[in-house]
Protein backbone atom coordinates (compact mmCIF):
# COMPACT_ATOMS: atom_id res chain seq x y z
CA MET A 1 17.26 -13.06 4.37
CA SER A 2 20.10 -10.66 3.84
CA THR A 3 20.71 -9.42 0.36
CA ASN A 4 24.45 -9.57 0.96
CA ASN A 5 24.79 -13.33 1.30
CA SER A 6 21.72 -14.59 -0.55
CA THR A 7 21.87 -16.57 -3.72
CA GLU A 8 19.16 -17.29 -6.20
CA ASP A 9 19.23 -20.99 -5.37
CA ASP A 10 18.50 -20.46 -1.66
CA GLU A 11 15.04 -21.22 -0.41
CA PRO A 12 13.10 -18.04 0.37
CA LYS A 13 12.97 -17.06 4.03
CA LEU A 14 10.26 -14.51 4.48
CA PRO A 15 9.73 -12.75 7.81
CA HIS A 16 6.64 -14.16 9.48
CA GLY A 17 5.85 -10.81 11.01
CA ILE A 18 5.47 -9.14 7.62
CA VAL A 19 4.45 -11.80 5.17
CA PHE A 20 1.90 -13.39 7.43
CA GLN A 21 -0.04 -10.33 8.46
CA ASP A 22 2.13 -9.01 11.29
CA ILE A 23 1.90 -12.23 13.28
CA GLU A 24 4.96 -11.21 15.35
CA ARG A 25 3.70 -7.74 16.27
CA THR A 26 4.11 -7.20 20.01
CA ALA A 27 1.54 -5.73 22.32
CA GLY A 28 3.64 -2.61 22.73
CA GLU A 29 3.40 -1.86 19.02
CA GLU A 30 -0.38 -1.92 18.97
CA ASP A 31 -2.49 1.08 19.82
CA ASP A 32 -5.34 0.95 22.30
CA GLY A 33 -7.95 0.84 19.56
CA GLN A 34 -6.37 -2.24 18.01
CA ASP A 35 -6.20 -3.98 21.39
CA LYS A 36 -9.87 -3.23 21.91
CA ASN A 37 -10.80 -4.59 18.47
CA GLN A 38 -8.79 -7.76 19.06
CA ALA A 39 -10.32 -8.25 22.50
CA GLU A 40 -13.80 -7.91 21.06
CA THR A 41 -12.98 -10.34 18.26
CA SER A 42 -11.53 -12.82 20.73
CA THR A 43 -14.67 -12.59 22.86
CA ARG A 44 -16.94 -13.21 19.90
CA PHE A 45 -15.00 -16.05 18.30
CA GLY A 46 -12.66 -17.36 20.97
CA SER A 47 -15.27 -19.60 22.55
CA LEU A 48 -15.71 -21.31 19.22
CA CYS A 49 -11.96 -21.98 19.11
CA TRP A 50 -11.95 -20.71 15.53
CA PRO A 51 -9.50 -18.31 13.82
CA ASN A 52 -10.37 -14.66 13.25
CA PHE A 53 -11.78 -14.76 9.73
CA LEU A 54 -13.15 -11.22 10.12
CA SER A 55 -10.95 -8.30 11.09
CA THR A 56 -11.24 -4.56 10.95
CA LEU A 57 -9.33 -2.78 8.20
CA LYS A 58 -8.52 0.89 8.66
CA GLU A 59 -7.85 3.36 5.86
CA GLY A 60 -4.18 3.38 4.98
CA ASP A 61 -3.30 0.21 6.90
CA ALA A 62 -0.49 -1.61 5.13
CA ASP A 63 -0.94 -4.67 7.31
CA ASP A 64 -3.86 -6.48 8.83
CA ASN A 65 -4.50 -5.92 12.56
CA ARG A 66 -4.57 -9.65 13.20
CA SER A 67 -2.23 -11.05 15.83
CA LYS A 68 -1.74 -14.28 17.71
CA LYS A 69 -4.38 -13.21 20.20
CA GLY A 70 -7.65 -15.02 19.66
CA ASN A 71 -6.21 -17.70 17.34
CA PRO A 72 -6.56 -21.32 18.50
CA THR A 73 -3.37 -23.33 18.84
CA TRP A 74 -3.99 -25.53 15.78
CA TYR A 75 -4.52 -22.51 13.54
CA GLN A 76 -1.47 -20.66 14.83
CA LYS A 77 0.69 -23.73 14.22
CA LEU A 78 -0.40 -23.71 10.58
CA ILE A 79 0.54 -20.04 10.28
CA ASP A 80 3.90 -20.60 11.93
CA ALA A 81 4.53 -23.53 9.57
CA GLY A 82 4.36 -21.17 6.59
CA ILE A 83 0.74 -21.11 5.46
CA GLU A 84 0.05 -17.63 4.11
CA GLU A 85 -2.42 -15.51 6.00
CA ASN A 86 -1.67 -12.30 4.14
CA GLY A 87 -4.22 -11.19 1.60
CA ILE A 88 -4.32 -7.93 -0.33
CA GLN A 89 -2.46 -5.67 2.11
CA PRO A 90 0.69 -4.13 0.62
CA VAL A 91 4.01 -5.57 1.76
CA PRO A 92 6.44 -2.89 3.01
CA LEU A 93 9.95 -2.72 1.59
CA GLU A 94 11.52 -4.49 4.56
CA GLY A 95 9.14 -7.39 3.97
CA ARG A 96 10.25 -7.91 0.37
CA THR A 97 13.28 -10.08 1.02
CA SER A 98 13.08 -13.04 -1.36
CA MET A 99 15.89 -13.33 -3.88
CA GLN A 100 14.19 -16.26 -5.60
CA TYR A 101 13.40 -14.35 -8.77
CA ASN A 102 13.28 -17.60 -10.75
CA GLN A 103 10.06 -18.41 -8.88
CA LEU A 104 8.36 -16.07 -11.34
CA PHE A 105 9.49 -18.39 -14.14
CA THR A 106 8.52 -21.68 -12.55
CA VAL A 107 5.11 -20.55 -11.27
CA PHE A 108 3.94 -19.77 -14.81
CA PHE A 109 6.07 -22.30 -16.69
CA THR A 110 4.61 -25.13 -14.62
CA GLY A 111 1.12 -23.64 -14.61
CA LEU A 112 1.07 -23.54 -18.41
CA LEU A 113 2.99 -26.78 -19.06
CA CYS A 114 -0.25 -28.73 -18.97
CA LEU A 115 -3.09 -29.88 -21.19
CA LEU A 116 -4.79 -26.47 -21.52
CA PRO A 117 -2.71 -25.06 -24.43
CA ILE A 118 -3.18 -28.25 -26.48
CA PRO A 119 -6.96 -28.04 -27.08
CA THR A 120 -6.54 -24.29 -27.55
CA GLY A 121 -3.99 -24.92 -30.29
CA MET A 122 -6.25 -27.55 -31.87
CA LEU A 123 -8.75 -24.81 -32.69
CA ALA A 124 -6.27 -23.31 -35.18
CA THR A 125 -6.53 -26.25 -37.55
CA LEU A 126 -9.70 -28.01 -36.46
CA GLU A 127 -12.01 -24.97 -36.21
CA PHE A 128 -10.31 -22.09 -38.05
CA GLY A 129 -9.17 -24.25 -40.97
CA LEU A 130 -5.53 -23.12 -41.07
CA SER A 131 -2.69 -25.34 -42.18
CA LEU A 132 -0.16 -26.42 -39.57
CA ARG A 133 2.50 -24.14 -41.05
CA ASP A 134 0.28 -21.06 -41.09
CA ALA A 135 -1.06 -21.78 -37.62
CA SER A 136 2.47 -22.16 -36.24
CA LEU A 137 3.61 -18.85 -37.71
CA VAL A 138 0.61 -16.99 -36.31
CA ILE A 139 1.05 -18.57 -32.89
CA VAL A 140 4.73 -17.65 -32.64
CA PHE A 141 4.28 -14.08 -33.95
CA PHE A 142 1.36 -13.15 -31.70
CA ALA A 143 2.91 -14.87 -28.67
CA LEU A 144 6.14 -12.87 -29.09
CA LEU A 145 4.13 -9.64 -29.03
CA THR A 146 1.43 -10.33 -26.46
CA CYS A 147 3.74 -11.76 -23.79
CA LEU A 148 5.37 -8.32 -23.50
CA PRO A 149 2.62 -6.41 -21.59
CA PRO A 150 2.13 -8.90 -18.73
CA ALA A 151 5.89 -9.44 -18.33
CA PHE A 152 6.39 -5.68 -17.97
CA MET A 153 3.45 -5.28 -15.60
CA GLY A 154 4.78 -8.01 -13.31
CA ILE A 155 7.67 -5.76 -12.22
CA GLY A 156 5.19 -3.58 -10.33
CA GLY A 157 4.43 -6.25 -7.74
CA MET A 158 8.06 -6.36 -6.65
CA GLU A 159 8.57 -2.58 -6.76
CA THR A 160 5.37 -1.58 -4.94
CA GLY A 161 4.66 -4.62 -2.76
CA MET A 162 1.08 -4.51 -4.03
CA ARG A 163 -1.11 -7.11 -5.67
CA GLN A 164 -1.94 -6.42 -9.31
CA PHE A 165 -5.39 -4.97 -8.74
CA VAL A 166 -4.25 -2.93 -5.76
CA GLN A 167 -1.88 -1.26 -8.23
CA ALA A 168 -4.83 -0.79 -10.57
CA ARG A 169 -6.53 1.38 -7.95
CA TYR A 170 -3.94 4.07 -8.74
CA SER A 171 -5.52 4.35 -12.19
CA PHE A 172 -9.12 3.14 -11.82
CA GLY A 173 -9.69 4.37 -8.27
CA LEU A 174 -10.94 2.50 -5.22
CA TYR A 175 -14.51 2.03 -6.43
CA LEU A 176 -14.46 1.97 -10.23
CA VAL A 177 -11.70 -0.65 -10.16
CA ILE A 178 -14.44 -3.08 -9.13
CA ILE A 179 -15.55 -3.27 -12.79
CA PRO A 180 -12.26 -4.63 -14.22
CA LEU A 181 -11.83 -6.56 -10.98
CA LEU A 182 -15.01 -8.54 -11.60
CA LEU A 183 -14.04 -9.02 -15.24
CA ASN A 184 -10.64 -10.32 -14.19
CA ALA A 185 -12.15 -12.73 -11.68
CA ALA A 186 -14.53 -13.99 -14.38
CA THR A 187 -11.67 -14.32 -16.86
CA ILE A 188 -9.43 -16.33 -14.56
CA THR A 189 -12.41 -18.44 -13.53
CA GLY A 190 -12.97 -19.15 -17.21
CA PHE A 191 -9.36 -20.28 -17.66
CA THR A 192 -9.78 -22.49 -14.62
CA LEU A 193 -12.93 -24.01 -16.09
CA MET A 194 -11.09 -24.86 -19.31
CA SER A 195 -8.24 -26.47 -17.34
CA ALA A 196 -10.65 -28.42 -15.16
CA ILE A 197 -12.54 -29.68 -18.21
CA ALA A 198 -9.31 -30.78 -19.93
CA GLY A 199 -8.20 -32.62 -16.79
CA GLY A 200 -11.63 -34.15 -16.27
CA GLN A 201 -11.82 -35.37 -19.86
CA THR A 202 -8.41 -36.98 -19.54
CA LEU A 203 -9.24 -38.79 -16.29
CA ALA A 204 -12.52 -39.97 -17.80
CA ALA A 205 -10.73 -41.34 -20.86
CA ILE A 206 -8.88 -43.87 -18.69
CA ASN A 207 -12.07 -45.75 -17.87
CA PRO A 208 -15.17 -44.02 -19.29
CA SER A 209 -17.54 -46.65 -17.88
CA HIS A 210 -16.46 -45.96 -14.28
CA VAL A 211 -15.19 -42.36 -14.27
CA SER A 212 -17.26 -39.64 -15.90
CA ILE A 213 -15.95 -36.27 -17.06
CA ASN A 214 -17.85 -34.68 -14.18
CA VAL A 215 -16.04 -36.81 -11.61
CA GLY A 216 -12.71 -35.99 -13.24
CA ILE A 217 -13.48 -32.27 -12.99
CA VAL A 218 -14.29 -32.55 -9.29
CA ILE A 219 -11.07 -34.47 -8.55
CA THR A 220 -8.77 -31.95 -10.26
CA CYS A 221 -10.51 -28.97 -8.65
CA LEU A 222 -10.33 -30.44 -5.14
CA VAL A 223 -6.59 -31.13 -5.34
CA ALA A 224 -5.90 -27.63 -6.71
CA PHE A 225 -8.09 -26.18 -3.95
CA GLY A 226 -5.82 -27.65 -1.29
CA ILE A 227 -2.69 -26.15 -2.85
CA SER A 228 -4.11 -22.66 -3.33
CA LEU A 229 -5.52 -22.71 0.20
CA LEU A 230 -2.04 -23.08 1.68
CA GLY A 231 -0.92 -19.86 0.01
CA PHE A 232 2.07 -18.18 -1.59
CA ASN A 233 4.94 -20.40 -0.44
CA PHE A 234 3.14 -23.67 -1.13
CA VAL A 235 1.98 -22.53 -4.57
CA HIS A 236 5.57 -21.66 -5.45
CA LEU A 237 6.84 -24.95 -4.00
CA TRP A 238 4.36 -26.97 -6.06
CA GLU A 239 5.12 -25.07 -9.26
CA ARG A 240 8.87 -25.30 -8.71
CA TRP A 241 9.05 -29.05 -9.22
CA THR A 242 5.90 -30.45 -10.82
CA TRP A 243 6.89 -29.28 -14.30
CA ILE A 244 9.26 -32.27 -14.40
CA PRO A 245 6.63 -35.07 -14.46
CA ASN A 246 4.43 -32.90 -16.67
CA LEU A 247 7.19 -32.55 -19.26
CA ILE A 248 8.10 -36.24 -19.13
CA ALA A 249 4.45 -37.24 -19.63
CA LEU A 250 4.08 -34.91 -22.62
CA VAL A 251 7.28 -36.22 -24.25
CA ILE A 252 6.14 -39.83 -23.79
CA THR A 253 2.74 -39.00 -25.29
CA VAL A 254 4.28 -37.41 -28.38
CA GLY A 255 6.74 -40.29 -28.68
CA CYS A 256 3.95 -42.89 -28.63
CA GLY A 257 1.45 -41.13 -30.90
CA GLY A 258 3.64 -38.84 -32.97
CA ARG A 259 3.73 -41.20 -35.94
CA TYR A 260 0.29 -39.95 -37.00
CA LEU A 261 0.99 -36.23 -36.70
CA HIS A 262 2.21 -35.98 -40.30
CA LEU A 263 -1.30 -36.88 -41.52
CA GLN A 264 -2.44 -33.28 -41.74
CA SER A 265 -5.68 -32.04 -43.28
CA GLN A 266 -4.93 -29.67 -46.12
CA PRO A 267 -7.04 -26.50 -46.38
CA ALA A 268 -8.90 -26.04 -49.64
CA ALA A 269 -7.57 -22.48 -50.04
CA PRO A 270 -4.67 -20.38 -48.72
CA ALA A 271 -5.10 -18.69 -45.37
CA THR A 272 -7.12 -15.48 -45.46
CA PRO A 273 -6.40 -12.35 -43.37
CA ALA A 274 -9.62 -13.01 -41.47
CA GLN A 275 -8.47 -16.51 -40.45
CA ILE A 276 -5.08 -15.20 -39.36
CA LEU A 277 -6.52 -12.34 -37.31
CA ASN A 278 -9.13 -14.59 -35.72
CA LEU A 279 -6.40 -16.91 -34.46
CA GLY A 280 -4.28 -13.91 -33.51
CA SER A 281 -7.12 -12.56 -31.40
CA LEU A 282 -7.37 -15.95 -29.69
CA MET A 283 -3.63 -15.87 -28.87
CA ALA A 284 -3.85 -12.30 -27.62
CA GLY A 285 -6.80 -13.20 -25.42
CA TYR A 286 -4.74 -16.01 -23.93
CA PHE A 287 -1.58 -14.04 -23.09
CA ILE A 288 -2.72 -10.45 -22.42
CA THR A 289 -5.07 -11.56 -19.65
CA PHE A 290 -2.08 -12.52 -17.50
CA GLY A 291 -1.63 -8.78 -16.97
CA GLY A 292 -4.36 -9.03 -14.35
CA MET A 293 -2.47 -11.50 -12.14
CA VAL A 294 1.33 -11.42 -12.69
CA GLY A 295 1.94 -8.87 -9.94
CA ASP A 296 0.32 -11.13 -7.36
CA TYR A 297 3.36 -13.42 -7.38
CA SER A 298 6.22 -10.91 -7.03
CA ILE A 299 5.18 -8.88 -3.97
CA TYR A 300 7.67 -10.59 -1.64
CA HIS A 301 10.69 -10.26 -3.96
CA ASN A 302 13.51 -7.87 -3.19
CA PRO A 303 13.49 -4.87 -5.56
CA ARG A 304 17.03 -3.95 -4.50
CA GLY A 305 18.58 -7.37 -4.88
CA VAL A 306 21.69 -7.44 -7.08
CA LEU A 307 22.84 -10.80 -8.38
CA SER A 308 24.62 -9.41 -11.41
CA LYS A 309 25.77 -5.88 -12.23
CA SER A 310 24.43 -6.20 -15.76
CA PHE A 311 21.13 -7.85 -14.84
CA SER A 312 18.97 -5.90 -12.40
CA ALA A 313 16.07 -7.24 -10.36
CA ARG A 314 13.63 -5.59 -12.80
CA ALA A 315 15.31 -7.24 -15.78
CA ARG A 316 15.17 -10.61 -14.06
CA ILE A 317 11.49 -10.31 -13.22
CA PHE A 318 10.64 -9.28 -16.79
CA THR A 319 12.73 -12.05 -18.36
CA TYR A 320 11.47 -14.79 -16.08
CA LEU A 321 7.85 -13.79 -16.59
CA TYR A 322 8.21 -13.48 -20.36
CA LEU A 323 9.89 -16.87 -20.70
CA GLY A 324 7.53 -18.44 -18.18
CA LEU A 325 4.58 -17.47 -20.37
CA PHE A 326 6.16 -18.06 -23.79
CA LEU A 327 8.21 -21.25 -23.47
CA PRO A 328 5.56 -23.72 -22.31
CA SER A 329 2.64 -22.25 -24.25
CA VAL A 330 3.98 -21.91 -27.79
CA PRO A 331 5.28 -25.50 -28.26
CA LEU A 332 2.04 -26.88 -26.80
CA PHE A 333 -0.09 -24.60 -29.00
CA ILE A 334 1.78 -25.90 -32.05
CA LEU A 335 1.45 -29.49 -30.82
CA GLY A 336 -2.27 -28.88 -30.42
CA ALA A 337 -2.46 -27.48 -33.96
CA ALA A 338 -0.72 -30.60 -35.25
CA ILE A 339 -3.11 -32.87 -33.36
CA GLY A 340 -6.09 -30.85 -34.59
CA GLY A 341 -4.94 -31.22 -38.18
CA ALA A 342 -4.51 -34.98 -37.77
CA VAL A 343 -7.78 -35.73 -35.94
CA PRO A 344 -9.94 -35.80 -39.13
CA GLN A 345 -7.38 -38.11 -40.79
CA VAL A 346 -7.12 -40.67 -37.97
CA PRO A 347 -10.50 -42.36 -37.37
CA ALA A 348 -9.59 -43.59 -33.86
CA TRP A 349 -8.57 -40.08 -32.81
CA GLN A 350 -11.70 -38.58 -34.31
CA ALA A 351 -13.97 -41.01 -32.46
CA ALA A 352 -12.09 -40.47 -29.20
CA TYR A 353 -12.28 -36.68 -29.55
CA ALA A 354 -16.02 -36.84 -30.12
CA SER A 355 -16.41 -39.03 -27.03
CA THR A 356 -14.12 -37.52 -24.36
CA GLY A 357 -12.44 -34.53 -26.01
CA ILE A 358 -8.72 -33.96 -25.65
CA GLY A 359 -8.49 -36.73 -23.04
CA GLY A 360 -9.70 -39.28 -25.55
CA VAL A 361 -7.09 -38.21 -28.10
CA MET A 362 -4.34 -38.44 -25.48
CA MET A 363 -5.54 -41.94 -24.59
CA GLU A 364 -5.36 -43.03 -28.22
CA MET A 365 -1.87 -41.55 -28.58
CA LEU A 366 -0.74 -43.52 -25.52
CA ALA A 367 -2.47 -46.76 -26.54
CA PRO A 368 0.80 -48.42 -27.71
CA ALA A 369 2.17 -48.08 -24.16
CA GLY A 370 -0.58 -50.27 -22.69
CA GLY A 371 -1.02 -50.07 -18.92
CA PHE A 372 1.91 -47.70 -18.56
CA GLY A 373 0.11 -45.37 -20.97
CA LYS A 374 -2.81 -45.13 -18.53
CA PHE A 375 -0.41 -44.11 -15.78
CA VAL A 376 1.02 -41.40 -18.04
CA LEU A 377 -2.53 -40.29 -18.80
CA VAL A 378 -3.16 -39.78 -15.07
CA VAL A 379 -0.05 -37.60 -14.88
CA LEU A 380 -1.31 -35.59 -17.86
CA ALA A 381 -4.70 -35.14 -16.23
CA LEU A 382 -3.10 -33.92 -13.02
CA SER A 383 -0.84 -31.50 -14.94
CA VAL A 384 -3.69 -28.96 -14.91
CA ILE A 385 -3.62 -28.76 -11.11
CA GLY A 386 -0.81 -26.20 -11.16
CA ASN A 387 -2.80 -24.02 -13.54
CA ILE A 388 -5.96 -24.26 -11.45
CA ALA A 389 -4.06 -23.59 -8.20
CA ILE A 390 -2.58 -20.25 -9.32
CA SER A 391 -5.95 -19.27 -10.75
CA MET A 392 -7.77 -20.01 -7.48
CA TYR A 393 -5.12 -18.07 -5.57
CA THR A 394 -5.61 -14.95 -7.70
CA ILE A 395 -9.41 -15.21 -7.75
CA SER A 396 -9.48 -15.32 -3.94
CA LEU A 397 -7.43 -12.10 -3.87
CA ASN A 398 -9.74 -10.47 -6.41
CA LEU A 399 -12.80 -11.32 -4.36
CA GLU A 400 -11.13 -10.09 -1.19
CA MET A 401 -10.59 -6.72 -2.87
CA LEU A 402 -14.34 -6.31 -3.11
CA MET A 403 -14.55 -6.04 0.66
CA PRO A 404 -12.70 -2.81 1.60
CA PRO A 405 -15.05 -0.50 -0.39
CA LEU A 406 -18.03 -1.87 1.52
CA PRO A 407 -19.44 0.40 4.26
CA PHE A 408 -18.66 -1.89 7.20
CA LYS A 409 -14.94 -2.13 6.35
CA LEU A 410 -14.45 -5.78 7.24
CA ARG A 411 -11.91 -8.13 5.75
CA VAL A 412 -12.93 -11.73 5.13
CA HIS A 413 -10.15 -14.30 5.24
CA ARG A 414 -8.78 -15.56 1.91
CA PHE A 415 -9.86 -19.09 2.92
CA VAL A 416 -13.52 -18.12 2.58
CA PHE A 417 -13.07 -16.79 -0.95
CA ILE A 418 -11.26 -19.92 -2.10
CA LEU A 419 -14.18 -21.99 -0.84
CA VAL A 420 -16.63 -19.74 -2.70
CA THR A 421 -14.53 -19.96 -5.86
CA MET A 422 -14.45 -23.75 -5.78
CA ALA A 423 -18.18 -24.00 -5.05
CA VAL A 424 -18.98 -21.88 -8.11
CA MET A 425 -16.31 -23.28 -10.39
CA ILE A 426 -17.13 -26.99 -10.28
CA PRO A 427 -20.77 -26.77 -11.49
CA MET A 428 -19.79 -24.17 -14.11
CA ALA A 429 -17.04 -26.44 -15.47
CA ILE A 430 -19.45 -29.37 -15.66
CA LYS A 431 -21.91 -27.23 -17.62
CA ALA A 432 -19.27 -25.80 -19.97
CA ALA A 433 -17.94 -29.30 -20.73
CA MET A 434 -21.20 -30.09 -22.54
CA LYS A 435 -20.24 -27.70 -25.36
CA TRP A 436 -16.45 -27.79 -25.21
CA GLU A 437 -15.29 -26.19 -28.48
CA THR A 438 -17.94 -23.45 -28.47
CA SER A 439 -17.23 -22.59 -24.84
CA LEU A 440 -13.47 -22.41 -25.44
CA ILE A 441 -13.66 -20.27 -28.58
CA ASN A 442 -16.18 -17.81 -27.15
CA PHE A 443 -14.33 -17.47 -23.86
CA LEU A 444 -10.78 -17.03 -25.17
CA SER A 445 -11.83 -14.62 -27.88
CA ILE A 446 -13.95 -12.22 -25.86
CA ILE A 447 -11.73 -11.96 -22.76
CA GLY A 448 -8.95 -10.36 -24.75
CA TYR A 449 -11.00 -7.23 -25.42
CA TRP A 450 -11.30 -5.94 -21.86
CA SER A 451 -7.81 -7.21 -20.95
CA ALA A 452 -6.28 -5.07 -23.69
CA CYS A 453 -7.99 -1.98 -22.23
CA PHE A 454 -6.80 -2.81 -18.72
CA ASP A 455 -3.18 -3.53 -19.67
CA ILE A 456 -2.63 -0.35 -21.68
CA VAL A 457 -4.15 1.85 -18.96
CA LEU A 458 -1.77 0.50 -16.31
CA ILE A 459 1.22 0.67 -18.65
CA LEU A 460 0.58 4.28 -19.67
CA GLU A 461 -0.12 5.30 -16.08
CA LEU A 462 3.30 4.03 -15.03
CA VAL A 463 5.35 5.07 -18.07
CA VAL A 464 3.79 8.42 -19.00
CA PHE A 465 2.20 9.89 -15.88
CA ARG A 466 4.36 8.37 -13.13
CA ARG A 467 7.52 8.34 -15.26
CA MET A 468 8.53 4.86 -14.16
CA ASP A 469 8.71 6.04 -10.55
CA TYR A 470 7.21 3.27 -8.45
CA ALA A 471 7.58 5.44 -5.34
CA THR A 472 4.53 7.39 -6.52
CA PHE A 473 2.42 4.33 -5.62
CA ASP A 474 2.06 5.48 -2.02
CA GLN A 475 1.20 2.52 0.19
CA ALA A 476 -0.39 4.85 2.73
CA ILE A 477 -3.36 5.51 0.40
CA TRP A 478 -3.86 2.04 -1.06
CA ASN A 479 -7.40 1.83 0.37
CA VAL A 480 -8.20 5.54 0.85
CA GLY A 481 -10.73 6.42 -1.82
CA ARG A 482 -10.48 10.21 -1.49
CA GLU A 483 -6.70 10.12 -2.05
CA LEU A 484 -6.72 7.71 -4.99
CA PRO A 485 -7.66 8.85 -8.52
CA PRO A 486 -11.42 8.81 -9.17
CA GLY A 487 -10.87 6.40 -12.07
CA LEU A 488 -13.09 8.27 -14.52
CA ALA A 489 -10.27 8.65 -17.05
CA ALA A 490 -9.38 4.95 -16.97
CA LEU A 491 -12.93 3.70 -17.20
CA GLY A 492 -13.95 6.38 -19.70
CA ALA A 493 -11.08 5.58 -22.05
CA SER A 494 -11.89 1.87 -21.87
CA MET A 495 -15.57 2.43 -22.61
CA LEU A 496 -14.95 4.87 -25.48
CA SER A 497 -12.73 2.35 -27.26
CA TRP A 498 -15.68 -0.06 -27.50
CA ALA A 499 -17.25 2.16 -30.12
CA LEU A 500 -14.85 0.51 -32.59
CA VAL A 501 -14.16 -2.70 -30.67
CA VAL A 502 -17.71 -3.96 -31.19
CA PRO A 503 -17.70 -3.47 -34.99
CA GLY A 504 -14.32 -5.23 -35.08
CA MET A 505 -15.43 -8.29 -33.12
CA ALA A 506 -15.79 -11.69 -34.74
CA GLN A 507 -17.51 -14.27 -32.56
CA SER A 508 -19.65 -17.29 -33.29
CA TRP A 509 -22.67 -15.35 -32.00
CA TYR A 510 -21.78 -11.95 -33.50
CA VAL A 511 -19.61 -10.63 -36.33
CA GLY A 512 -19.20 -6.87 -36.57
CA PRO A 513 -19.38 -5.02 -39.89
CA ILE A 514 -15.64 -4.30 -39.88
CA ALA A 515 -14.72 -7.83 -38.85
CA LYS A 516 -16.66 -9.27 -41.80
CA SER A 517 -13.91 -8.06 -44.11
CA THR A 518 -10.89 -7.90 -41.78
CA GLY A 519 -11.38 -10.69 -39.29
CA ASP A 520 -11.32 -10.14 -35.53
CA ILE A 521 -9.38 -6.94 -34.76
CA GLY A 522 -11.14 -6.15 -31.49
CA VAL A 523 -8.09 -6.73 -29.26
CA GLU A 524 -5.82 -4.54 -31.36
CA VAL A 525 -8.42 -1.77 -31.51
CA ALA A 526 -9.07 -1.96 -27.75
CA PHE A 527 -5.36 -1.68 -26.96
CA VAL A 528 -4.63 1.24 -29.29
CA LEU A 529 -7.80 3.29 -28.82
CA THR A 530 -7.88 2.95 -25.05
CA GLY A 531 -4.33 4.25 -24.94
CA LEU A 532 -5.15 7.19 -27.22
CA PHE A 533 -8.19 8.14 -25.15
CA TYR A 534 -6.47 7.65 -21.80
CA LEU A 535 -3.66 10.12 -22.43
CA PRO A 536 -5.81 13.29 -22.69
CA LEU A 537 -8.45 12.12 -20.20
CA ARG A 538 -5.91 11.29 -17.50
CA TRP A 539 -4.07 14.58 -18.14
CA LEU A 540 -7.35 16.42 -17.62
CA GLU A 541 -8.12 14.41 -14.49
CA ILE A 542 -4.72 15.26 -12.98
CA LYS A 543 -5.11 18.94 -13.90
CA ILE A 544 -8.50 19.17 -12.19
CA ARG A 545 -7.37 17.31 -9.05
CA GLY A 546 -3.98 19.00 -8.88
CA ARG A 547 -2.20 15.69 -8.16
CA LEU A 548 -1.84 12.15 -9.41
């Protein structure tokens, strides 16, 4: 797509040869070694008529060596139809052609316009004991602050053509990045579990005697699996439009059951700083963790595209990401807080919540609509599919990044990792559903700690040491360990901050000595201290190496 005649409303037209792993590369552009590798691969797998799920990956390669050779006809037709084959390889500048910057809004707006924020918001009043007013103020304030880091970090995907954790290698190094990589995969898996449980509970609430929560979890995960399997374009296509039925279903639900929302439980005492900071930590854990995935969705966007003289591509990416995170989440958090405050006052809601969780409450709210209410409930249950799909997509990329550091230098197709993710996720979600509130509180609270360390390291690396020059992220060394930083400064700064993070933690299973009087300040401490430690340690690392 030319940048001269493109408009933001056009559908993205990405070059197959670049986006889909150099599918159009001609034989004349390949060296003899690549031809030999492809011939060997074709010999091994061609007789099975199965696509090349394993391919060699050389140091510094910006594209995969895969070509049409050795692919069966059915598989190649899928690739030509637009299914993404590209994985973690950086996309060169000429491959970043999409002017659809608003995709960065819809992919997160739709993904978060679902049931997941509602039970999270319910914890503010139902578990933390805050009033609806206090909970709303805390939610808005912390959301305004903690949406900033991921929105800023998302610009890097467009400017470098690299997935988020490929960018992280330029701070943490090729090998030590595996630590935050595994933490990120676990974090996103946890979010996916919460979404799957919420969807499963809602499907089960329609007919508890015939559909169990476990069956509901399996259904939502399988549908999301299909979307994430198809890749980048299909994920964006799904997220571009499915927010509409999600929003309509939520409005209908509030319209049917909103007459009870004014029946709020009143706290016995005013909100304490500990209650406020505990909820704030929960909000921070929710938003800051998106810093580990936002860059995955902007690597095909044109960093030089100009749609307005006063609104650059960077400004558009930042704005769309910020609004995509903030706008759906905050209203649904507050709605959840209102529902949580009303549950103890409405016996039918309380019984339904004890039986099938958030799904039961939604069913009771839609009861006045009769049979149509059950249809709306199905739409609500399926609203989590968009959230699960983007999570599966990112997890598959995270797992793929574990492969290049291995000695045999093979790349496993993204398809395999999505299968592994689904196989692990479904039984974990079923297990976590047995203790819903405890699982949700523990997960959302603790993930924010490491995410704060990760976000501030990448932000300082770009702003302070690379001086906002994305050209210093040299694609030629993206998988060359000896050229990348060793990562000791990044990991060391993160680990040193935990000396005060642990005393400032407040969890159901552990409350630190500082947190006993202040509430949970672990996220704030992790963010600030990691930054303070990283500045001198990274300076020393650069001085010793003589280069970034």
